[in-house]
Amino acid sequence: MDEKRKEILTLPVKNLVPIKFRRADDHHILIASHAFWKERIYNAITNKETLDISEMLNGSLSDLGHWLHDDASHPHVAKLQSYYDLRKKNSDFHLQASKVAEYINAKRYDAASRLTESSSAFEYASNAVVEAIFALKKEFDNSVGRNNNGSIVN
């Protein structure tokens, strides 16, 4: 495991959401949340664990998905187009994750592993989520005033 991935995966993710998107670097929490969910897939393959396919498919059950489906707690972000783009990308990722989970639950671990390779639809969907998070950060940063430490200026 490379050091950057290890660093992201060791961040305390659970219970960080909903984040408030109050600093320019809050997007790292969203990325860590996504990485945590992705790691569940890798661990299930490695440890030959069973996954709940309906949970994998339901994007609103992950921390990121829960935050994305709770517009009222962050109306300043929920009004941005990139927010809705991220919701769609997260949903697409969870569809791919559920397909991998089907292979895992069928004990077809080699096939499941192939579905997570760098050229796979799963990885493409995952990368699209991360790109959408960065797009959200950029649109958010452009939509509000900020002071030198990254905090929102009222």
N, C-alpha and C. Protein backbone atom coordinates (compact mmCIF):
# COMPACT_ATOMS: atom_id res chain seq x y z
N MET A 1 0.85 -1.17 0.00
CA MET A 1 0.00 0.00 0.00
C MET A 1 0.89 1.24 0.00
N ASP A 2 0.64 2.17 -0.95
CA ASP A 2 1.49 3.34 -0.99
C ASP A 2 1.19 4.26 0.20
N GLU A 3 2.11 5.15 0.50
CA GLU A 3 2.02 5.98 1.71
C GLU A 3 0.83 6.93 1.69
N LYS A 4 0.52 7.52 0.53
CA LYS A 4 -0.61 8.46 0.45
C LYS A 4 -1.92 7.73 0.74
N ARG A 5 -2.09 6.55 0.17
CA ARG A 5 -3.30 5.77 0.41
C ARG A 5 -3.39 5.39 1.88
N LYS A 6 -2.27 4.98 2.45
CA LYS A 6 -2.25 4.62 3.86
C LYS A 6 -2.63 5.82 4.73
N GLU A 7 -2.09 6.99 4.36
CA GLU A 7 -2.39 8.22 5.11
C GLU A 7 -3.88 8.54 5.06
N ILE A 8 -4.48 8.45 3.89
CA ILE A 8 -5.91 8.73 3.75
C ILE A 8 -6.74 7.72 4.52
N LEU A 9 -6.36 6.45 4.42
CA LEU A 9 -7.16 5.41 5.05
C LEU A 9 -7.02 5.38 6.57
N THR A 10 -6.00 6.00 7.11
CA THR A 10 -5.87 6.03 8.56
C THR A 10 -6.52 7.26 9.17
N LEU A 11 -7.08 8.14 8.34
CA LEU A 11 -7.81 9.27 8.89
C LEU A 11 -9.05 8.75 9.60
N PRO A 12 -9.42 9.35 10.72
CA PRO A 12 -10.64 8.92 11.41
C PRO A 12 -11.86 9.40 10.64
N VAL A 13 -12.48 8.52 9.89
CA VAL A 13 -13.55 8.91 8.99
C VAL A 13 -14.92 8.85 9.64
N LYS A 14 -15.20 7.79 10.31
CA LYS A 14 -16.53 7.60 10.85
C LYS A 14 -16.91 8.78 11.74
N ASN A 15 -18.16 9.18 11.63
CA ASN A 15 -18.74 10.26 12.42
C ASN A 15 -18.16 11.64 12.10
N LEU A 16 -17.44 11.77 11.00
CA LEU A 16 -16.98 13.09 10.58
C LEU A 16 -18.04 13.80 9.75
N VAL A 17 -18.93 13.04 9.20
CA VAL A 17 -19.95 13.60 8.34
C VAL A 17 -21.19 13.78 9.20
N PRO A 18 -21.97 14.85 9.14
CA PRO A 18 -21.85 15.85 8.09
C PRO A 18 -20.78 16.88 8.38
N ILE A 19 -19.98 17.13 7.39
CA ILE A 19 -18.99 18.20 7.53
C ILE A 19 -19.67 19.51 7.18
N LYS A 20 -19.06 20.58 7.51
CA LYS A 20 -19.67 21.89 7.32
C LYS A 20 -19.11 22.64 6.13
N PHE A 21 -18.07 22.12 5.49
CA PHE A 21 -17.44 22.80 4.36
C PHE A 21 -17.13 24.24 4.72
N ARG A 22 -16.43 24.42 5.81
CA ARG A 22 -16.09 25.74 6.30
C ARG A 22 -14.66 26.14 5.98
N ARG A 23 -13.83 25.19 5.60
CA ARG A 23 -12.45 25.49 5.27
C ARG A 23 -12.14 24.92 3.89
N ALA A 24 -11.18 25.50 3.26
CA ALA A 24 -10.85 25.09 1.89
C ALA A 24 -10.38 23.64 1.82
N ASP A 25 -9.90 23.08 2.92
CA ASP A 25 -9.37 21.72 2.87
C ASP A 25 -10.36 20.67 3.36
N ASP A 26 -11.61 21.04 3.60
CA ASP A 26 -12.61 20.07 4.07
C ASP A 26 -12.88 18.96 3.06
N HIS A 27 -12.55 19.17 1.82
CA HIS A 27 -12.79 18.15 0.80
C HIS A 27 -12.02 16.87 1.10
N HIS A 28 -10.93 16.97 1.87
CA HIS A 28 -10.17 15.77 2.21
C HIS A 28 -10.99 14.80 3.06
N ILE A 29 -11.90 15.34 3.86
CA ILE A 29 -12.78 14.49 4.66
C ILE A 29 -13.70 13.69 3.74
N LEU A 30 -14.21 14.33 2.70
CA LEU A 30 -15.07 13.63 1.75
C LEU A 30 -14.29 12.53 1.02
N ILE A 31 -13.07 12.83 0.63
CA ILE A 31 -12.23 11.84 -0.06
C ILE A 31 -11.92 10.68 0.88
N ALA A 32 -11.60 10.98 2.13
CA ALA A 32 -11.31 9.91 3.10
C ALA A 32 -12.54 9.04 3.33
N SER A 33 -13.71 9.66 3.37
CA SER A 33 -14.94 8.89 3.53
C SER A 33 -15.14 7.94 2.35
N HIS A 34 -14.90 8.43 1.16
CA HIS A 34 -15.01 7.59 -0.04
C HIS A 34 -13.97 6.46 0.00
N ALA A 35 -12.76 6.79 0.39
CA ALA A 35 -11.68 5.79 0.47
C ALA A 35 -12.03 4.71 1.49
N PHE A 36 -12.64 5.10 2.59
CA PHE A 36 -13.04 4.13 3.62
C PHE A 36 -14.03 3.13 3.03
N TRP A 37 -14.99 3.61 2.27
CA TRP A 37 -16.00 2.73 1.67
C TRP A 37 -15.36 1.79 0.65
N LYS A 38 -14.46 2.35 -0.11
CA LYS A 38 -13.75 1.55 -1.10
C LYS A 38 -12.91 0.46 -0.43
N GLU A 39 -12.30 0.81 0.66
CA GLU A 39 -11.47 -0.15 1.39
C GLU A 39 -12.29 -1.33 1.90
N ARG A 40 -13.56 -1.10 2.17
CA ARG A 40 -14.44 -2.21 2.58
C ARG A 40 -14.49 -3.29 1.50
N ILE A 41 -14.52 -2.86 0.25
CA ILE A 41 -14.53 -3.81 -0.88
C ILE A 41 -13.22 -4.59 -0.91
N TYR A 42 -12.09 -3.87 -0.84
CA TYR A 42 -10.79 -4.54 -0.88
C TYR A 42 -10.63 -5.51 0.29
N ASN A 43 -11.05 -5.11 1.46
CA ASN A 43 -10.95 -5.99 2.64
C ASN A 43 -11.82 -7.22 2.49
N ALA A 44 -13.00 -7.05 1.92
CA ALA A 44 -13.90 -8.20 1.73
C ALA A 44 -13.29 -9.22 0.78
N ILE A 45 -12.60 -8.74 -0.25
CA ILE A 45 -11.93 -9.66 -1.17
C ILE A 45 -10.79 -10.37 -0.45
N THR A 46 -9.96 -9.60 0.22
CA THR A 46 -8.78 -10.15 0.90
C THR A 46 -9.17 -11.12 2.01
N ASN A 47 -10.16 -10.73 2.81
CA ASN A 47 -10.55 -11.54 3.98
C ASN A 47 -11.69 -12.51 3.70
N LYS A 48 -12.14 -12.53 2.43
CA LYS A 48 -13.22 -13.43 2.01
C LYS A 48 -14.46 -13.25 2.89
N GLU A 49 -14.85 -11.98 3.01
CA GLU A 49 -16.03 -11.62 3.81
C GLU A 49 -17.24 -11.44 2.90
N THR A 50 -18.40 -11.57 3.47
CA THR A 50 -19.64 -11.32 2.76
C THR A 50 -20.03 -9.86 2.94
N LEU A 51 -20.58 -9.27 1.89
CA LEU A 51 -21.05 -7.89 1.95
C LEU A 51 -22.55 -7.83 1.72
N ASP A 52 -23.19 -6.86 2.29
CA ASP A 52 -24.62 -6.62 2.07
C ASP A 52 -24.76 -5.86 0.76
N ILE A 53 -25.25 -6.53 -0.26
CA ILE A 53 -25.33 -5.93 -1.60
C ILE A 53 -26.27 -4.73 -1.61
N SER A 54 -27.38 -4.80 -0.90
CA SER A 54 -28.30 -3.67 -0.88
C SER A 54 -27.65 -2.46 -0.21
N GLU A 55 -26.82 -2.70 0.80
CA GLU A 55 -26.09 -1.61 1.45
C GLU A 55 -25.06 -1.02 0.48
N MET A 56 -24.38 -1.88 -0.26
CA MET A 56 -23.40 -1.40 -1.23
C MET A 56 -24.09 -0.56 -2.31
N LEU A 57 -25.27 -0.98 -2.72
CA LEU A 57 -25.99 -0.30 -3.79
C LEU A 57 -26.56 1.04 -3.34
N ASN A 58 -26.93 1.15 -2.08
CA ASN A 58 -27.57 2.36 -1.58
C ASN A 58 -26.52 3.39 -1.20
N GLY A 59 -26.26 4.31 -2.11
CA GLY A 59 -25.24 5.32 -1.91
C GLY A 59 -25.48 6.24 -0.74
N SER A 60 -26.72 6.33 -0.26
CA SER A 60 -26.99 7.24 0.85
C SER A 60 -26.62 6.64 2.20
N LEU A 61 -26.18 5.39 2.24
CA LEU A 61 -25.80 4.77 3.50
C LEU A 61 -24.35 5.00 3.88
N SER A 62 -23.52 5.34 2.90
CA SER A 62 -22.12 5.67 3.23
C SER A 62 -22.10 7.05 3.87
N ASP A 63 -21.02 7.37 4.56
CA ASP A 63 -20.91 8.69 5.17
C ASP A 63 -21.02 9.79 4.11
N LEU A 64 -20.31 9.62 3.01
CA LEU A 64 -20.37 10.60 1.93
C LEU A 64 -21.80 10.68 1.39
N GLY A 65 -22.41 9.54 1.13
CA GLY A 65 -23.76 9.52 0.60
C GLY A 65 -24.77 10.13 1.56
N HIS A 66 -24.59 9.84 2.84
CA HIS A 66 -25.49 10.43 3.84
C HIS A 66 -25.39 11.95 3.81
N TRP A 67 -24.17 12.45 3.75
CA TRP A 67 -23.96 13.90 3.67
C TRP A 67 -24.58 14.46 2.39
N LEU A 68 -24.41 13.75 1.29
CA LEU A 68 -24.93 14.22 0.01
C LEU A 68 -26.46 14.23 -0.04
N HIS A 69 -27.11 13.44 0.79
CA HIS A 69 -28.57 13.36 0.78
C HIS A 69 -29.19 14.14 1.94
N ASP A 70 -28.41 14.98 2.58
CA ASP A 70 -28.89 15.79 3.69
C ASP A 70 -28.68 17.27 3.35
N ASP A 71 -29.35 17.70 2.29
CA ASP A 71 -29.18 19.07 1.77
C ASP A 71 -29.42 20.14 2.82
N ALA A 72 -30.34 19.91 3.73
CA ALA A 72 -30.72 20.94 4.69
C ALA A 72 -29.58 21.32 5.64
N SER A 73 -28.66 20.40 5.89
CA SER A 73 -27.59 20.70 6.84
C SER A 73 -26.46 21.53 6.22
N HIS A 74 -26.47 21.70 4.92
CA HIS A 74 -25.43 22.50 4.26
C HIS A 74 -26.00 23.16 2.99
N PRO A 75 -26.97 24.05 3.17
CA PRO A 75 -27.64 24.66 2.00
C PRO A 75 -26.69 25.48 1.12
N HIS A 76 -25.61 26.01 1.70
CA HIS A 76 -24.65 26.79 0.92
C HIS A 76 -23.88 25.92 -0.07
N VAL A 77 -23.80 24.63 0.18
CA VAL A 77 -23.14 23.70 -0.73
C VAL A 77 -24.17 23.04 -1.64
N ALA A 78 -25.33 22.70 -1.07
CA ALA A 78 -26.35 21.97 -1.81
C ALA A 78 -26.92 22.75 -3.00
N LYS A 79 -26.68 24.04 -3.05
CA LYS A 79 -27.19 24.83 -4.17
C LYS A 79 -26.26 24.79 -5.39
N LEU A 80 -25.09 24.19 -5.24
CA LEU A 80 -24.10 24.17 -6.31
C LEU A 80 -24.34 23.01 -7.28
N GLN A 81 -24.16 23.25 -8.56
CA GLN A 81 -24.34 22.19 -9.56
C GLN A 81 -23.38 21.03 -9.32
N SER A 82 -22.16 21.34 -8.92
CA SER A 82 -21.17 20.29 -8.70
C SER A 82 -21.56 19.36 -7.56
N TYR A 83 -22.36 19.84 -6.63
CA TYR A 83 -22.88 19.02 -5.54
C TYR A 83 -23.77 17.90 -6.11
N TYR A 84 -24.65 18.28 -7.04
CA TYR A 84 -25.54 17.28 -7.65
C TYR A 84 -24.78 16.35 -8.59
N ASP A 85 -23.75 16.88 -9.22
CA ASP A 85 -22.89 16.02 -10.03
C ASP A 85 -22.21 14.98 -9.15
N LEU A 86 -21.74 15.40 -7.98
CA LEU A 86 -21.11 14.47 -7.05
C LEU A 86 -22.11 13.43 -6.57
N ARG A 87 -23.33 13.82 -6.30
CA ARG A 87 -24.35 12.85 -5.90
C ARG A 87 -24.53 11.76 -6.95
N LYS A 88 -24.57 12.18 -8.21
CA LYS A 88 -24.73 11.22 -9.31
C LYS A 88 -23.51 10.31 -9.40
N LYS A 89 -22.33 10.87 -9.31
CA LYS A 89 -21.10 10.07 -9.39
C LYS A 89 -21.01 9.09 -8.23
N ASN A 90 -21.43 9.52 -7.04
CA ASN A 90 -21.41 8.63 -5.88
C ASN A 90 -22.40 7.47 -6.08
N SER A 91 -23.55 7.78 -6.65
CA SER A 91 -24.54 6.74 -6.95
C SER A 91 -23.99 5.74 -7.97
N ASP A 92 -23.32 6.26 -8.99
CA ASP A 92 -22.69 5.39 -10.00
C ASP A 92 -21.64 4.49 -9.37
N PHE A 93 -20.84 5.05 -8.46
CA PHE A 93 -19.83 4.26 -7.77
C PHE A 93 -20.48 3.13 -6.97
N HIS A 94 -21.54 3.43 -6.27
CA HIS A 94 -22.18 2.40 -5.45
C HIS A 94 -22.80 1.29 -6.31
N LEU A 95 -23.25 1.63 -7.50
CA LEU A 95 -23.73 0.60 -8.42
C LEU A 95 -22.58 -0.35 -8.77
N GLN A 96 -21.42 0.22 -9.09
CA GLN A 96 -20.26 -0.62 -9.40
C GLN A 96 -19.81 -1.43 -8.19
N ALA A 97 -19.84 -0.81 -7.01
CA ALA A 97 -19.46 -1.52 -5.78
C ALA A 97 -20.39 -2.71 -5.53
N SER A 98 -21.67 -2.55 -5.82
CA SER A 98 -22.62 -3.65 -5.61
C SER A 98 -22.34 -4.80 -6.58
N LYS A 99 -21.88 -4.49 -7.79
CA LYS A 99 -21.53 -5.53 -8.75
C LYS A 99 -20.32 -6.34 -8.26
N VAL A 100 -19.34 -5.63 -7.71
CA VAL A 100 -18.17 -6.32 -7.14
C VAL A 100 -18.62 -7.17 -5.96
N ALA A 101 -19.50 -6.64 -5.13
CA ALA A 101 -20.00 -7.36 -3.96
C ALA A 101 -20.70 -8.66 -4.36
N GLU A 102 -21.39 -8.65 -5.47
CA GLU A 102 -22.05 -9.87 -5.95
C GLU A 102 -21.01 -10.98 -6.20
N TYR A 103 -19.90 -10.63 -6.81
CA TYR A 103 -18.84 -11.61 -7.06
C TYR A 103 -18.19 -12.06 -5.75
N ILE A 104 -18.01 -11.13 -4.84
CA ILE A 104 -17.43 -11.48 -3.54
C ILE A 104 -18.34 -12.47 -2.82
N ASN A 105 -19.62 -12.18 -2.78
CA ASN A 105 -20.57 -13.05 -2.08
C ASN A 105 -20.71 -14.41 -2.75
N ALA A 106 -20.42 -14.46 -4.04
CA ALA A 106 -20.45 -15.74 -4.77
C ALA A 106 -19.12 -16.48 -4.62
N LYS A 107 -18.24 -15.92 -3.79
CA LYS A 107 -16.92 -16.49 -3.52
C LYS A 107 -16.05 -16.56 -4.78
N ARG A 108 -16.28 -15.65 -5.68
CA ARG A 108 -15.49 -15.52 -6.90
C ARG A 108 -14.51 -14.35 -6.70
N TYR A 109 -13.59 -14.57 -5.78
CA TYR A 109 -12.68 -13.51 -5.33
C TYR A 109 -11.73 -13.03 -6.43
N ASP A 110 -11.26 -13.93 -7.28
CA ASP A 110 -10.38 -13.51 -8.37
C ASP A 110 -11.12 -12.60 -9.34
N ALA A 111 -12.35 -12.98 -9.66
CA ALA A 111 -13.16 -12.16 -10.56
C ALA A 111 -13.47 -10.81 -9.90
N ALA A 112 -13.78 -10.83 -8.62
CA ALA A 112 -14.05 -9.57 -7.89
C ALA A 112 -12.81 -8.69 -7.90
N SER A 113 -11.67 -9.28 -7.70
CA SER A 113 -10.42 -8.53 -7.71
C SER A 113 -10.18 -7.90 -9.08
N ARG A 114 -10.46 -8.65 -10.14
CA ARG A 114 -10.31 -8.10 -11.49
C ARG A 114 -11.24 -6.91 -11.72
N LEU A 115 -12.42 -6.95 -11.10
CA LEU A 115 -13.39 -5.85 -11.24
C LEU A 115 -12.93 -4.58 -10.53
N THR A 116 -11.90 -4.67 -9.72
CA THR A 116 -11.39 -3.49 -9.01
C THR A 116 -10.05 -3.01 -9.57
N GLU A 117 -9.60 -3.61 -10.66
CA GLU A 117 -8.32 -3.20 -11.24
C GLU A 117 -8.41 -1.78 -11.79
N SER A 118 -7.26 -1.21 -12.08
CA SER A 118 -7.19 0.21 -12.44
C SER A 118 -7.98 0.59 -13.69
N SER A 119 -8.19 -0.34 -14.60
CA SER A 119 -8.93 -0.03 -15.82
C SER A 119 -10.41 -0.42 -15.73
N SER A 120 -10.86 -0.78 -14.53
CA SER A 120 -12.23 -1.28 -14.37
C SER A 120 -13.25 -0.16 -14.24
N ALA A 121 -14.52 -0.53 -14.44
CA ALA A 121 -15.62 0.41 -14.25
C ALA A 121 -15.68 0.86 -12.79
N PHE A 122 -15.35 -0.03 -11.87
CA PHE A 122 -15.31 0.30 -10.44
C PHE A 122 -14.30 1.42 -10.18
N GLU A 123 -13.09 1.28 -10.70
CA GLU A 123 -12.06 2.30 -10.50
C GLU A 123 -12.41 3.59 -11.24
N TYR A 124 -12.98 3.45 -12.42
CA TYR A 124 -13.40 4.64 -13.16
C TYR A 124 -14.44 5.41 -12.35
N ALA A 125 -15.43 4.70 -11.81
CA ALA A 125 -16.47 5.35 -11.00
C ALA A 125 -15.87 5.96 -9.73
N SER A 126 -14.93 5.26 -9.13
CA SER A 126 -14.27 5.78 -7.92
C SER A 126 -13.50 7.06 -8.23
N ASN A 127 -12.74 7.04 -9.30
CA ASN A 127 -11.98 8.23 -9.70
C ASN A 127 -12.91 9.39 -10.03
N ALA A 128 -14.06 9.07 -10.63
CA ALA A 128 -15.03 10.11 -10.95
C ALA A 128 -15.57 10.78 -9.68
N VAL A 129 -15.73 10.00 -8.61
CA VAL A 129 -16.18 10.57 -7.33
C VAL A 129 -15.13 11.56 -6.82
N VAL A 130 -13.87 11.15 -6.82
CA VAL A 130 -12.81 12.02 -6.32
C VAL A 130 -12.72 13.29 -7.18
N GLU A 131 -12.79 13.14 -8.48
CA GLU A 131 -12.77 14.32 -9.36
C GLU A 131 -13.95 15.23 -9.08
N ALA A 132 -15.12 14.65 -8.82
CA ALA A 132 -16.31 15.44 -8.51
C ALA A 132 -16.17 16.16 -7.17
N ILE A 133 -15.48 15.55 -6.23
CA ILE A 133 -15.22 16.22 -4.94
C ILE A 133 -14.34 17.44 -5.17
N PHE A 134 -13.32 17.29 -5.99
CA PHE A 134 -12.46 18.44 -6.30
C PHE A 134 -13.23 19.52 -7.06
N ALA A 135 -14.13 19.12 -7.94
CA ALA A 135 -14.94 20.09 -8.66
C ALA A 135 -15.86 20.84 -7.69
N LEU A 136 -16.41 20.12 -6.72
CA LEU A 136 -17.25 20.74 -5.71
C LEU A 136 -16.44 21.75 -4.89
N LYS A 137 -15.24 21.34 -4.49
CA LYS A 137 -14.37 22.25 -3.73
C LYS A 137 -14.10 23.51 -4.53
N LYS A 138 -13.77 23.34 -5.80
CA LYS A 138 -13.46 24.49 -6.65
C LYS A 138 -14.66 25.42 -6.80
N GLU A 139 -15.82 24.84 -7.06
CA GLU A 139 -17.01 25.66 -7.23
C GLU A 139 -17.37 26.35 -5.91
N PHE A 140 -17.25 25.62 -4.82
CA PHE A 140 -17.52 26.21 -3.51
C PHE A 140 -16.56 27.36 -3.21
N ASP A 141 -15.28 27.13 -3.43
CA ASP A 141 -14.28 28.17 -3.18
C ASP A 141 -14.55 29.42 -4.02
N ASN A 142 -15.02 29.22 -5.24
CA ASN A 142 -15.31 30.35 -6.13
C ASN A 142 -16.61 31.06 -5.77
N SER A 143 -17.46 30.40 -4.97
CA SER A 143 -18.77 30.97 -4.68
C SER A 143 -18.81 31.76 -3.38
N VAL A 144 -17.75 31.67 -2.57
CA VAL A 144 -17.72 32.38 -1.28
C VAL A 144 -16.42 33.13 -1.13
N GLY A 145 -16.45 34.17 -0.32
CA GLY A 145 -15.22 34.88 0.02
C GLY A 145 -14.48 34.13 1.10
N ARG A 146 -13.16 34.17 1.08
CA ARG A 146 -12.34 33.48 2.07
C ARG A 146 -11.26 34.43 2.57
N ASN A 147 -10.88 34.24 3.83
CA ASN A 147 -9.75 35.01 4.35
C ASN A 147 -8.47 34.19 4.15
N ASN A 148 -7.35 34.67 4.65
CA ASN A 148 -6.05 34.03 4.40
C ASN A 148 -5.91 32.63 4.98
N ASN A 149 -6.67 32.28 6.02
CA ASN A 149 -6.54 30.93 6.59
C ASN A 149 -7.57 29.97 6.02
N GLY A 150 -8.33 30.39 5.01
CA GLY A 150 -9.26 29.49 4.35
C GLY A 150 -10.66 29.53 4.90
N SER A 151 -10.91 30.28 5.96
CA SER A 151 -12.24 30.36 6.54
C SER A 151 -13.15 31.25 5.71
N ILE A 152 -14.43 30.94 5.75
CA ILE A 152 -15.41 31.73 5.02
C ILE A 152 -15.52 33.12 5.66
N VAL A 153 -15.54 34.13 4.81
CA VAL A 153 -15.73 35.50 5.27
C VAL A 153 -17.22 35.79 5.22
N ASN A 154 -17.78 36.21 6.33
CA ASN A 154 -19.22 36.50 6.38
C ASN A 154 -19.55 37.80 5.71
